[in-house]
Protein backbone atom coordinates (compact mmCIF):
# COMPACT_ATOMS: atom_id res chain seq x y z
CA UNK A 1 -37.58 13.04 -1.68
CA UNK A 2 -34.55 10.77 -1.89
CA UNK A 3 -34.22 7.78 -4.16
CA UNK A 4 -34.95 5.22 -1.48
CA UNK A 5 -38.25 6.71 -0.34
CA UNK A 6 -39.59 6.61 -3.89
CA UNK A 7 -39.81 2.84 -3.48
CA UNK A 8 -41.80 2.89 -0.24
CA UNK A 9 -45.20 1.23 -0.60
CA UNK A 10 -46.48 -0.56 -3.67
CA UNK A 11 -48.22 2.36 -5.31
CA UNK A 12 -45.55 4.89 -4.43
CA UNK A 13 -42.82 2.47 -5.42
CA UNK A 14 -44.16 1.87 -8.90
CA UNK A 15 -45.60 5.18 -10.00
CA UNK A 16 -44.96 6.15 -13.59
CA UNK A 17 -42.12 8.55 -14.27
CA UNK A 18 -42.38 11.64 -12.06
CA UNK A 19 -43.17 14.93 -13.76
CA UNK A 20 -40.46 17.43 -14.61
CA UNK A 21 -41.05 21.11 -14.74
CA UNK A 22 -40.24 21.76 -18.36
CA UNK A 23 -42.28 23.62 -20.91
CA UNK A 24 -42.92 21.42 -23.95
CA UNK A 25 -41.07 22.49 -27.07
CA UNK A 26 -42.67 23.14 -30.40
CA UNK A 27 -44.03 20.05 -32.12
CA UNK A 28 -41.41 17.97 -33.92
CA UNK A 29 -41.28 14.72 -35.83
CA UNK A 30 -41.34 11.61 -33.62
CA UNK A 31 -38.02 9.99 -32.81
CA UNK A 32 -37.55 6.60 -34.43
CA UNK A 33 -37.33 4.42 -31.34
CA UNK A 34 -35.99 0.89 -31.11
CA UNK A 35 -35.11 -1.75 -28.54
CA UNK A 36 -31.87 -3.74 -28.15
CA UNK A 37 -31.70 -6.78 -30.41
CA UNK A 38 -32.15 -10.11 -28.60
CA UNK A 39 -28.94 -12.13 -28.54
CA UNK A 40 -30.27 -15.68 -28.17
CA UNK A 41 -30.15 -18.30 -30.94
CA UNK A 42 -33.87 -18.25 -31.73
CA UNK A 43 -36.13 -15.90 -33.65
CA UNK A 44 -39.03 -14.59 -31.55
CA UNK A 45 -42.74 -14.90 -32.24
CA UNK A 46 -45.59 -13.32 -30.33
CA UNK A 47 -49.32 -13.53 -29.92
CA UNK A 48 -51.80 -11.60 -27.76
CA UNK A 49 -54.45 -13.37 -25.69
CA UNK A 50 -57.72 -11.93 -24.37
CA UNK A 51 -58.59 -13.83 -21.19
CA UNK A 52 -61.91 -13.41 -19.36
CA UNK A 53 -62.32 -14.61 -15.79
CA UNK A 54 -66.07 -15.21 -15.59
CA UNK A 55 -65.78 -16.18 -11.93
CA UNK A 56 -64.52 -12.77 -10.83
CA UNK A 57 -65.78 -9.21 -10.88
CA UNK A 58 -63.36 -6.43 -11.72
CA UNK A 59 -62.16 -5.00 -8.39
CA UNK A 60 -61.79 -1.45 -9.67
CA UNK A 61 -64.83 -0.86 -11.90
CA UNK A 62 -68.15 -2.14 -10.49
CA UNK A 63 -70.31 -4.28 -12.75
CA UNK A 64 -67.52 -5.53 -15.01
CA UNK A 65 -66.19 -9.04 -15.36
CA UNK A 66 -62.43 -9.27 -14.93
CA UNK A 67 -60.69 -9.19 -18.34
CA UNK A 68 -56.99 -9.42 -19.01
CA UNK A 69 -54.66 -9.03 -21.95
CA UNK A 70 -51.44 -11.03 -22.08
CA UNK A 71 -48.70 -11.32 -24.66
CA UNK A 72 -46.99 -14.66 -25.22
CA UNK A 73 -43.50 -14.56 -26.75
CA UNK A 74 -41.82 -17.78 -27.83
CA UNK A 75 -38.98 -19.26 -29.84
CA UNK A 76 -40.11 -19.17 -33.46
CA UNK A 77 -39.10 -20.33 -36.88
CA UNK A 78 -37.74 -17.61 -39.19
CA UNK A 79 -40.73 -15.87 -40.68
CA UNK A 80 -41.80 -13.05 -42.93
CA UNK A 81 -44.68 -12.23 -40.60
CA UNK A 82 -44.97 -8.55 -39.64
CA UNK A 83 -43.06 -7.32 -36.64
CA UNK A 84 -45.28 -6.78 -33.62
CA UNK A 85 -45.65 -3.12 -32.60
CA UNK A 86 -44.37 -2.06 -29.19
CA UNK A 87 -47.85 -1.05 -28.00
CA UNK A 88 -51.42 -1.32 -29.23
CA UNK A 89 -52.70 1.96 -30.73
CA UNK A 90 -54.93 2.98 -27.81
CA UNK A 91 -52.24 2.18 -25.25
CA UNK A 92 -49.53 3.96 -27.24
CA UNK A 93 -51.65 7.12 -27.33
CA UNK A 94 -52.39 7.18 -23.60
CA UNK A 95 -48.81 6.38 -22.58
CA UNK A 96 -47.37 8.95 -24.99
CA UNK A 97 -49.66 11.65 -23.64
CA UNK A 98 -48.65 10.89 -20.07
CA UNK A 99 -44.94 10.58 -20.79
CA UNK A 100 -44.95 13.79 -22.81
CA UNK A 101 -46.15 15.78 -19.81
CA UNK A 102 -43.58 14.18 -17.51
CA UNK A 103 -40.71 14.65 -19.96
CA UNK A 104 -41.59 18.15 -21.14
CA UNK A 105 -42.19 17.00 -24.71
CA UNK A 106 -45.16 16.93 -27.06
CA UNK A 107 -47.05 13.67 -27.44
CA UNK A 108 -46.49 13.56 -31.20
CA UNK A 109 -42.76 13.18 -30.56
CA UNK A 110 -43.38 9.84 -28.86
CA UNK A 111 -44.35 7.07 -31.25
CA UNK A 112 -44.78 3.92 -29.19
CA UNK A 113 -46.01 1.99 -32.22
CA UNK A 114 -42.46 1.27 -33.37
CA UNK A 115 -41.69 -2.32 -34.43
CA UNK A 116 -40.22 -4.77 -31.93
CA UNK A 117 -38.09 -7.80 -32.79
CA UNK A 118 -40.92 -10.32 -32.40
CA UNK A 119 -42.91 -11.47 -35.41
CA UNK A 120 -46.65 -11.52 -34.74
CA UNK A 121 -48.04 -15.02 -35.27
CA UNK A 122 -44.74 -16.52 -36.42
CA UNK A 123 -44.78 -20.35 -36.36
CA UNK A 124 -43.49 -21.68 -33.06
CA UNK A 125 -40.64 -24.13 -32.80
CA UNK A 126 -42.21 -27.35 -31.58
CA UNK A 127 -41.61 -29.07 -28.28
CA UNK A 128 -41.96 -28.25 -24.61
CA UNK A 129 -40.30 -25.13 -23.27
CA UNK A 130 -39.69 -23.60 -19.83
CA UNK A 131 -42.22 -20.84 -19.10
CA UNK A 132 -41.67 -17.47 -17.41
CA UNK A 133 -44.42 -15.03 -16.37
CA UNK A 134 -43.90 -11.26 -16.21
CA UNK A 135 -45.78 -8.65 -14.18
CA UNK A 136 -45.01 -4.96 -14.85
CA UNK A 137 -44.54 -2.16 -12.37
CA UNK A 138 -47.52 -0.27 -10.99
CA UNK A 139 -49.44 1.70 -13.64
CA UNK A 140 -47.05 0.43 -16.32
CA UNK A 141 -47.91 -1.67 -19.37
CA UNK A 142 -46.83 -5.23 -20.04
CA UNK A 143 -45.00 -3.68 -23.00
CA UNK A 144 -42.55 -1.85 -20.74
CA UNK A 145 -40.56 -5.05 -20.16
CA UNK A 146 -40.22 -6.02 -23.82
CA UNK A 147 -36.41 -5.94 -23.86
CA UNK A 148 -36.17 -8.68 -21.23
CA UNK A 149 -39.15 -10.60 -22.61
CA UNK A 150 -37.76 -10.82 -26.13
CA UNK A 151 -34.34 -11.80 -24.81
CA UNK A 152 -35.69 -14.70 -22.78
CA UNK A 153 -37.81 -15.88 -25.71
CA UNK A 154 -34.72 -15.77 -27.94
CA UNK A 155 -32.97 -18.02 -25.41
CA UNK A 156 -35.71 -20.66 -25.65
CA UNK A 157 -38.27 -19.67 -23.01
CA UNK A 158 -41.96 -19.07 -23.49
CA UNK A 159 -42.63 -15.73 -21.79
CA UNK A 160 -46.11 -14.59 -20.74
CA UNK A 161 -46.51 -10.86 -19.98
CA UNK A 162 -49.62 -9.81 -18.04
CA UNK A 163 -51.45 -6.47 -18.03
CA UNK A 164 -53.31 -5.67 -14.80
CA UNK A 165 -56.45 -4.00 -16.13
CA UNK A 166 -57.54 -0.65 -14.63
CA UNK A 167 -54.24 -0.43 -12.74
CA UNK A 168 -52.18 0.02 -15.90
CA UNK A 169 -52.50 3.43 -17.55
CA UNK A 170 -54.29 1.73 -20.43
CA UNK A 171 -55.11 -1.75 -21.73
CA UNK A 172 -56.54 -2.26 -25.23
CA UNK A 173 -58.80 -5.23 -26.01
CA UNK A 174 -59.25 -6.87 -29.43
CA UNK A 175 -62.54 -5.05 -30.07
CA UNK A 176 -60.79 -1.68 -29.69
CA UNK A 177 -61.98 -0.87 -26.17
CA UNK A 178 -59.34 0.90 -24.09
CA UNK A 179 -59.60 0.36 -20.33
CA UNK A 180 -57.89 3.20 -18.51
CA UNK A 181 -56.52 3.36 -14.99
CA UNK A 182 -59.27 3.44 -12.37
CA UNK A 183 -57.48 3.15 -9.04
CA UNK A 184 -58.77 4.95 -5.94
CA UNK A 185 -56.41 7.25 -4.00
CA UNK A 186 -53.36 5.54 -2.59
CA UNK A 187 -53.59 3.95 0.85
CA UNK A 188 -52.38 0.86 2.67
CA UNK A 189 -55.68 -0.89 2.01
CA UNK A 190 -55.58 0.00 -1.69
CA UNK A 191 -52.01 -1.28 -1.85
CA UNK A 192 -53.11 -4.60 -0.36
CA UNK A 193 -55.97 -4.84 -2.86
CA UNK A 194 -53.61 -4.03 -5.74
CA UNK A 195 -51.30 -6.90 -4.85
CA UNK A 196 -54.15 -9.30 -4.12
CA UNK A 197 -55.68 -8.48 -7.50
CA UNK A 198 -52.36 -9.01 -9.26
CA UNK A 199 -51.90 -12.38 -7.58
CA UNK A 200 -55.41 -13.43 -8.63
CA UNK A 201 -54.68 -12.26 -12.17
CA UNK A 202 -51.49 -14.31 -12.25
CA UNK A 203 -53.11 -17.46 -10.93
CA UNK A 204 -55.91 -17.10 -13.48
CA UNK A 205 -53.32 -16.91 -16.27
CA UNK A 206 -51.64 -20.05 -14.93
CA UNK A 207 -55.04 -21.77 -14.94
CA UNK A 208 -55.98 -20.51 -18.41
CA UNK A 209 -52.76 -21.77 -19.98
CA UNK A 210 -52.84 -25.07 -18.11
CA UNK A 211 -49.46 -24.46 -16.52
CA UNK A 212 -48.22 -26.74 -13.77
CA UNK A 213 -44.90 -24.99 -13.28
CA UNK A 214 -43.34 -21.68 -14.30
CA UNK A 215 -40.88 -19.04 -13.24
CA UNK A 216 -41.90 -15.43 -12.69
CA UNK A 217 -40.29 -12.01 -12.53
CA UNK A 218 -41.48 -8.45 -12.43
CA UNK A 219 -40.45 -4.86 -12.00
CA UNK A 220 -41.34 -2.91 -8.85
CA UNK A 221 -44.89 -3.92 -7.86
CA UNK A 222 -44.48 -6.74 -10.37
CA UNK A 223 -41.57 -8.12 -8.36
CA UNK A 224 -43.68 -7.92 -5.20
CA UNK A 225 -46.41 -9.75 -7.15
CA UNK A 226 -44.00 -12.54 -8.11
CA UNK A 227 -43.12 -13.13 -4.47
CA UNK A 228 -46.70 -12.97 -3.21
CA UNK A 229 -47.84 -15.37 -5.93
CA UNK A 230 -45.17 -17.85 -4.86
CA UNK A 231 -46.47 -17.73 -1.27
CA UNK A 232 -49.89 -18.99 -2.37
CA UNK A 233 -49.18 -20.96 -5.56
CA UNK A 234 -46.53 -23.64 -5.76
CA UNK A 235 -46.75 -23.74 -9.53
CA UNK A 236 -44.36 -20.77 -9.53
CA UNK A 237 -41.07 -22.49 -8.76
CA UNK A 238 -38.64 -19.56 -9.04
CA UNK A 239 -39.02 -15.79 -8.93
CA UNK A 240 -37.13 -12.53 -9.37
CA UNK A 241 -37.92 -9.07 -8.02
CA UNK A 242 -36.53 -6.18 -10.06
CA UNK A 243 -36.24 -3.28 -7.61
CA UNK A 244 -39.63 -3.65 -5.93
CA UNK A 245 -40.47 -2.99 -2.31
CA UNK A 246 -42.31 -5.84 -0.62
CA UNK A 247 -44.12 -3.53 1.80
CA UNK A 248 -47.51 -1.87 1.85
CA UNK A 249 -45.97 0.63 4.27
CA UNK A 250 -42.28 0.73 5.12
CA UNK A 251 -42.70 3.27 7.92
CA UNK A 252 -45.33 1.12 9.65
CA UNK A 253 -43.53 -2.12 8.77
CA UNK A 254 -46.61 -3.52 7.07
CA UNK A 255 -45.01 -6.07 4.77
CA UNK A 256 -46.33 -8.63 2.33
CA UNK A 257 -46.52 -12.29 3.24
CA UNK A 258 -43.45 -13.01 1.12
CA UNK A 259 -41.37 -10.80 3.42
CA UNK A 260 -42.97 -12.02 6.63
CA UNK A 261 -42.85 -15.72 5.76
CA UNK A 262 -40.11 -16.11 3.15
CA UNK A 263 -40.12 -18.86 0.51
CA UNK A 264 -38.70 -22.34 0.17
CA UNK A 265 -37.92 -21.82 -3.53
CA UNK A 266 -35.29 -19.70 -5.33
CA UNK A 267 -35.81 -15.94 -5.38
CA UNK A 268 -33.53 -13.29 -6.90
CA UNK A 269 -33.43 -9.67 -5.69
CA UNK A 270 -32.19 -7.06 -8.19
CA UNK A 271 -31.88 -3.40 -7.22
CA UNK A 272 -30.38 -0.12 -8.42
CA UNK A 273 -29.06 3.15 -7.08
CA UNK A 274 -29.18 3.37 -3.29
CA UNK A 275 -31.95 0.80 -3.01
CA UNK A 276 -30.91 -2.56 -1.54
CA UNK A 277 -31.55 -4.73 1.48
CA UNK A 278 -29.44 -2.28 3.42
CA UNK A 279 -32.06 0.44 2.86
CA UNK A 280 -35.28 -1.57 2.42
CA UNK A 281 -36.77 -3.04 5.61
CA UNK A 282 -39.06 -5.36 3.64
CA UNK A 283 -36.04 -6.93 1.89
CA UNK A 284 -34.30 -7.32 5.25
CA UNK A 285 -37.35 -9.14 6.60
CA UNK A 286 -37.53 -11.34 3.52
CA UNK A 287 -33.86 -12.33 3.80
CA UNK A 288 -34.34 -13.18 7.49
CA UNK A 289 -37.22 -15.52 6.62
CA UNK A 290 -36.12 -16.89 3.26
CA UNK A 291 -35.48 -20.65 3.31
CA UNK A 292 -34.76 -21.24 -0.37
CA UNK A 293 -31.81 -20.09 -2.46
CA UNK A 294 -31.49 -16.32 -2.75
CA UNK A 295 -29.08 -13.72 -4.07
CA UNK A 296 -29.04 -9.94 -4.17
CA UNK A 297 -27.54 -7.96 -7.06
CA UNK A 298 -27.38 -4.19 -7.59
CA UNK A 299 -26.67 -1.66 -10.33
CA UNK A 300 -25.02 1.10 -8.26
CA UNK A 301 -25.24 3.68 -11.03
CA UNK A 302 -28.68 2.59 -12.26
CA UNK A 303 -32.10 3.68 -11.02
CA UNK A 304 -35.63 2.34 -10.58
CA UNK A 305 -36.62 2.52 -14.26
CA UNK A 306 -33.34 0.99 -15.39
CA UNK A 307 -35.26 -2.30 -15.15
CA UNK A 308 -37.73 -1.21 -17.84
CA UNK A 309 -37.43 -0.29 -21.50
CA UNK A 310 -37.06 3.35 -20.45
CA UNK A 311 -33.38 2.51 -19.83
CA UNK A 312 -32.79 2.51 -23.59
CA UNK A 313 -35.75 4.55 -24.84
CA UNK A 314 -35.13 7.77 -22.90
CA UNK A 315 -31.55 8.25 -24.14
CA UNK A 316 -32.82 7.95 -27.72
CA UNK A 317 -35.12 10.89 -26.97
CA UNK A 318 -32.20 12.93 -25.71
CA UNK A 319 -34.04 13.17 -22.39
CA UNK A 320 -32.82 10.64 -19.82
CA UNK A 321 -32.94 12.18 -16.32
CA UNK A 322 -30.63 10.37 -13.91
CA UNK A 323 -33.46 10.18 -11.37
CA UNK A 324 -35.27 7.84 -13.76
CA UNK A 325 -32.57 5.61 -15.24
CA UNK A 326 -29.39 6.58 -13.44
CA UNK A 327 -26.07 7.37 -15.06
CA UNK A 328 -25.21 3.83 -16.14
CA UNK A 329 -24.41 3.19 -19.79
CA UNK A 330 -27.67 1.79 -21.21
CA UNK A 331 -25.96 -1.01 -23.14
CA UNK A 332 -24.06 -2.11 -20.03
CA UNK A 333 -27.23 -1.97 -17.94
CA UNK A 334 -29.14 -4.17 -20.37
CA UNK A 335 -26.27 -6.63 -20.80
CA UNK A 336 -25.84 -6.98 -17.03
CA UNK A 337 -29.53 -7.56 -16.41
CA UNK A 338 -29.81 -10.03 -19.28
CA UNK A 339 -26.89 -12.03 -17.93
CA UNK A 340 -28.35 -12.12 -14.40
CA UNK A 341 -31.84 -13.18 -15.47
CA UNK A 342 -30.50 -15.71 -17.97
CA UNK A 343 -28.24 -17.28 -15.36
CA UNK A 344 -31.01 -17.38 -12.75
CA UNK A 345 -33.69 -18.94 -14.93
CA UNK A 346 -31.11 -21.19 -16.57
CA UNK A 347 -30.30 -22.59 -13.15
CA UNK A 348 -33.88 -22.89 -11.89
CA UNK A 349 -36.06 -23.57 -14.96
CA UNK A 350 -34.12 -25.22 -17.77
CA UNK A 351 -35.18 -28.68 -16.62
CA UNK A 352 -38.85 -27.68 -16.24
CA UNK A 353 -40.87 -27.45 -19.45
CA UNK A 354 -44.50 -27.09 -20.51
CA UNK A 355 -46.29 -27.29 -23.84
CA UNK A 356 -47.74 -23.81 -23.39
CA UNK A 357 -47.02 -22.55 -26.91
CA UNK A 358 -49.51 -24.95 -28.44
CA UNK A 359 -52.13 -23.96 -25.86
CA UNK A 360 -51.56 -20.23 -26.16
CA UNK A 361 -51.54 -20.16 -29.95
CA UNK A 362 -54.85 -22.02 -30.02
CA UNK A 363 -56.36 -19.31 -27.76
CA UNK A 364 -55.03 -16.30 -29.67
CA UNK A 365 -57.69 -13.65 -30.31
């Protein structure tokens, strides 16, 4: 399977890291992991929100009301509050177990509870701020985009990261429940339901936080979600797709509405490796139909997971297969992506602000 075909279809495009055929070594102490330090002028605070959509049943587990977890990161005053962990305990355990198998390691070598740069519950800097939503790749956690989320918060944005329950490998709620992935086998119809569910999740978050305007970006299926949300909800005024197909089936040319109809608002396409509009029919269709500003950028020596925290985490483990994160220098990859996202949202959102920090902090679980 070549690198382009890995992106075909939502579920195929955003699968967690593919397994490698390595026997796990003897148990060893976990590596002390860390993320790149944000470079903006502000300290970063964070809070987790438990949102319940009483009007909607969970689409994947019958009999359950739709519940979401989101993390809000924001410019904060300097604080002695504890640093927020990278993942909640139940999520860290499930993700470590899965990654260990794929990387040929033991789960106890992967400690995803390491501290991030955000201070949990730190006092927010007052005033209205531009807001950006984030949707992760398929099966991934909202935590997997923390590098970009902390950076944007340090630059003055309020950033809202969404977990898509029962599609992500695991989501932990405040009462300790851990909702694990419950997707049916992959198909075109399941792919359509995945994206529809993600769009509904996103619109519910916009409603819950009282947002009238926001930007949005996402990795893989999350980038597809950003575009599809913009088709149906004008509150999202600018979007970015980080290496995501916008097709339910490339071979059958079954594309999302964002590709078939385009948008009248700004949309950034970021890709890596041999993925680009030249190789992705859904991107070609989008560019034909796009009416608003657009630009395409590419990391030639990056790969699909270069747009996640795996870009910097895997090298720290001494296990960074090029098929996952390419051969690009991790620091250069992060710096390039930060500059592109900062420039894009600076151009499209700086003049659009909401008082979401006050609302979100009042809802914190």
